[in-house]
Amino acid sequence: MIKNVSLMHKEPFRCKCICNEKLIGETFNQTYHYFEINETPAKVVLEFEPFKIRPLLRLNKCLVDTGVAEVDVYDHKYEMSLKPDWLEMYTKNIIKSKQEYLKRENLGKDADPEKVKKWFEEYYFEQQERKFSYYKKELDQILSNLQ
């Protein structure tokens, strides 16, 4: 569950946090703005001035990718819906985004679904093999140090 939001930018700016159409707080002329969110689900609007800046967004003090997090980005505000399952949604979107990137970079934009499925099966298998070989090497080193 999201308990706080913050915005940060290299230049000082004004920020206003509105949660479920109620003003939570407003801060002026700072580079870092922090607001507690006391209710969920929440429709959060973060308005900032000057316009056309892109402050970094943090939820629960974790940096968030606004595109993956389904944040509506405007030149003067961020809008988002924070539901109790927001973290699960964000995690799924990160995985989906990475899969789309891998697909686009390795198979092309209009790849055949069967080809995509086969490629991901091979990719996951290679990742598992890589993990196994890495841990086996590490385990062998530990065992040799014990002898």
Foldseek 3Di string as FASTA:
>chain_A
DWFKKKWADPFFKKKWKAKQNHTQDIDGRDRMDMGTDDDPQIWIKIFMPPFQDDTFMDTVNHTADCVLLVWDDDRTMIIDTHHPCSVVSSVVSVVVVVLQVCCCVPPNDDHDPVVSVVVVVVVVVVVVVVVVVVVVVVVVVVVVVVD
